[in-house]
Amino acid sequence: MKADVVIAGVGMTDVRIHEGSTWLERAVAAIKEAIEDAGIDKNDIEALVCTPIGYTVDQEKFIAQRIAEYLAITCRTMAEVDCGGASSLIAVRLLMNEIACGRVGAGVVFASHFDLTPEKLAASPQEIMHLIRMANGMYGSYDSRLGILSPMPYYAMCIQRYMHECGVKPEDIARLPVLLRENASKNPRAHYRERITIDDVLSSRILCPPIHLLESCPVSHGAGAVVLAKASSSEVRGVWIAGYGEAHDDSHFMPSTADMSTFPAVRKSAREAYSQAGVTPQDIDVAEVYGAFAGVELMCYEELGFFGRGEAPTAVAEGKTSIDGDVAINTSGGRLSLGHAPYATPLFEIYEITKQLRGDAGERQVKDARLGLVHAEHGMINGSAVMILGRA
């Protein structure tokens, strides 16, 4: 699609609960790493595109402007993009188009995500009621009245339906967190790196049936940054943007009238990205999939075209998604083990795929990786974006 635009540099912080540093400090650390990785001068940056900083935090305004002031960067383009968990990937698309049409030569997309932990939310709710009301505003006019603070009940319902329709058993889903934790054990930036077993997963606390604690992403903090540039101005190490697709349902947060056990937006966005890149799902060597819960992640594997309906659990059991499998998925550890800082997560995914395509992924390197996929979603997967990246 945009053969003249490359991922020139990537940067990120460790993914964990960050205490003692601000969103600004984490954003600056990720941006400086990405610019250094790109091998360009700070003064070559002509655009800063960002996202908000979290859901259960007091919102700061003019985030890109704060970074521009802090780093003394003069820009031709600035923007803040908010479309839920897909925000930073959509921000990459915005900057990609700015570069492709010739407005800017290079720019940075960054996100620095911070949310209060469940423990802090529960400790003094009366002091943070304004944050609770703000977070509750994500949901629709009917369910927001119930005071919902987590999307988990929605995901639980769709996983229940998927298990019923496809004959998927709890142990079939529990295998995925085990594999992701194995991948994360090789990633020094992952939130959780200690290996686990299927028994560990199934004996962990039920959060919302059928979701166990170890089948749910943690609350994580972290920042990511990506430098995009014209191919002509970048080094050979740059990773090409080969295709992009995006699709959104006619719904606010979840499909209110459609089937909850399928995700048409994922299927449509993937089809568009494959078509623009001139490839098929079978051509993908490594993928980072936005799976906040294990059961839903398996469903997304199928919607992305890697496996047929109901086949993903068996594919995981047979090793087809492992680092040396047919398509290596979430080699970073995924949202369940790398960690999940929603606004920054798509940039973490781009970081991983870029490292893989360069051959810089260390212990978790996929052999001869030439084509990678990045997937992000928002709401209860009522919107999706997919990007195909290729080795230069």
Foldseek 3Di string as FASTA:
>chain_A
DLQQKFQQFKFKFFKAADPPDDLLVQFVRGVVRRCVSSVDDLALAAEEEEEWAEQLDPTDPPPSVVNCVVVVYHHPYYYYFDDFLCGQVVSVVVVSVCCSVPVGFKHKYKYWYDHDAPVVCPPCVVVRVVSQLRQLVLDDPPCSVVSDNDLVVLVQVLLVVLCVVQVDDLLLLLLVLQQLLCLQLLAPSKHHNDHDDSVVQCPAPPPHPPAHPLQAFHAITMMMMTMMGGPVVGDLLTKGFQFKFKDFAPDRFAPPPDRSNAQQGLLRGLVRRCVSNVHAPQLAAEEEEADRGSSVSLRSCCSSPVDPRSCSSVCSVVVQCHLAHSHPYNSNSHCSISHDRSRRVQSVRVVQLSCQLSVNSPPSHRPPGFKYKTKTARRSSRIIMMIIIGRD
